[in-house]
Amino acid sequence: MAIKVKIFDEEHEKDLEESINAFLEKIDEKDLIDIKYQVSNFYDHRNQIYCYSAMIIYRDKKKDDD
């Protein structure tokens, strides 16, 4: 069993929520280790742009490639 991460990056928080929920449906709850969440923003002279990201740390039950 290997420890892995899955990175998500979206421009809208609702899109991030949907992406994370879809991934979480694919793994067993007991294999979830942690979720790290971050929001960053910047200006491009006209608009304020947001970046919503998350990293899921989980146990992967697939056999390791040794």
Protein backbone atom coordinates (compact mmCIF):
# COMPACT_ATOMS: atom_id res chain seq x y z
CA MET A 1 0.00 0.00 0.00
CA ALA A 2 1.48 3.36 -1.03
CA ILE A 3 0.87 6.88 0.26
CA LYS A 4 -0.08 9.18 -2.62
CA VAL A 5 -1.30 12.72 -3.21
CA LYS A 6 -3.87 14.13 -5.61
CA ILE A 7 -3.70 17.84 -6.49
CA PHE A 8 -6.75 19.90 -7.47
CA ASP A 9 -6.65 23.44 -8.87
CA GLU A 10 -9.76 25.39 -9.92
CA GLU A 11 -10.75 28.99 -10.60
CA HIS A 12 -14.06 28.66 -8.75
CA GLU A 13 -14.63 27.21 -5.30
CA LYS A 14 -17.70 25.27 -6.44
CA ASP A 15 -15.63 23.54 -9.15
CA LEU A 16 -13.03 22.59 -6.55
CA GLU A 17 -15.73 21.19 -4.29
CA GLU A 18 -17.18 19.08 -7.10
CA SER A 19 -13.75 17.77 -8.17
CA ILE A 20 -12.81 16.80 -4.62
CA ASN A 21 -16.16 15.14 -3.92
CA ALA A 22 -15.90 13.11 -7.13
CA PHE A 23 -12.43 11.89 -6.14
CA LEU A 24 -13.48 11.10 -2.56
CA GLU A 25 -16.27 8.88 -3.87
CA LYS A 26 -13.58 6.69 -5.47
CA ILE A 27 -11.56 6.00 -2.33
CA ASP A 28 -12.41 4.31 0.94
CA GLU A 29 -12.96 6.75 3.80
CA LYS A 30 -10.37 4.95 5.96
CA ASP A 31 -7.73 5.55 3.24
CA LEU A 32 -8.08 9.33 3.49
CA ILE A 33 -5.18 10.77 5.49
CA ASP A 34 -5.54 14.55 5.11
CA ILE A 35 -6.75 17.40 2.90
CA LYS A 36 -4.74 20.62 2.58
CA TYR A 37 -6.60 23.65 1.20
CA GLN A 38 -5.34 26.98 -0.12
CA VAL A 39 -6.73 30.09 -1.80
CA SER A 40 -4.60 32.65 -3.59
CA ASN A 41 -5.54 35.74 -5.55
CA PHE A 42 -3.94 38.37 -7.73
CA TYR A 43 -4.87 41.32 -9.95
CA ASP A 44 -4.28 41.61 -13.69
CA HIS A 45 -4.96 45.36 -14.03
CA ARG A 46 -8.70 44.76 -14.53
CA ASN A 47 -9.81 41.73 -12.57
CA GLN A 48 -9.14 40.01 -9.31
CA ILE A 49 -8.35 36.36 -10.05
CA TYR A 50 -8.70 33.57 -7.51
CA CYS A 51 -7.08 30.16 -7.48
CA TYR A 52 -8.60 27.50 -5.23
CA SER A 53 -6.44 24.46 -4.66
CA ALA A 54 -6.34 21.36 -2.51
CA MET A 55 -4.06 18.41 -1.97
CA ILE A 56 -5.53 15.12 -0.82
CA ILE A 57 -3.16 12.70 0.90
CA TYR A 58 -4.41 9.12 0.80
CA ARG A 59 -3.46 5.46 0.89
CA ASP A 60 -3.54 3.75 -2.49
CA LYS A 61 -4.40 0.05 -2.22
CA LYS A 62 -2.98 -0.75 -5.67
CA LYS A 63 0.19 -2.83 -5.65
CA ASP A 64 3.39 -0.76 -5.79
CA ASP A 65 5.52 -1.03 -8.93
CA ASP A 66 8.84 -2.32 -7.55
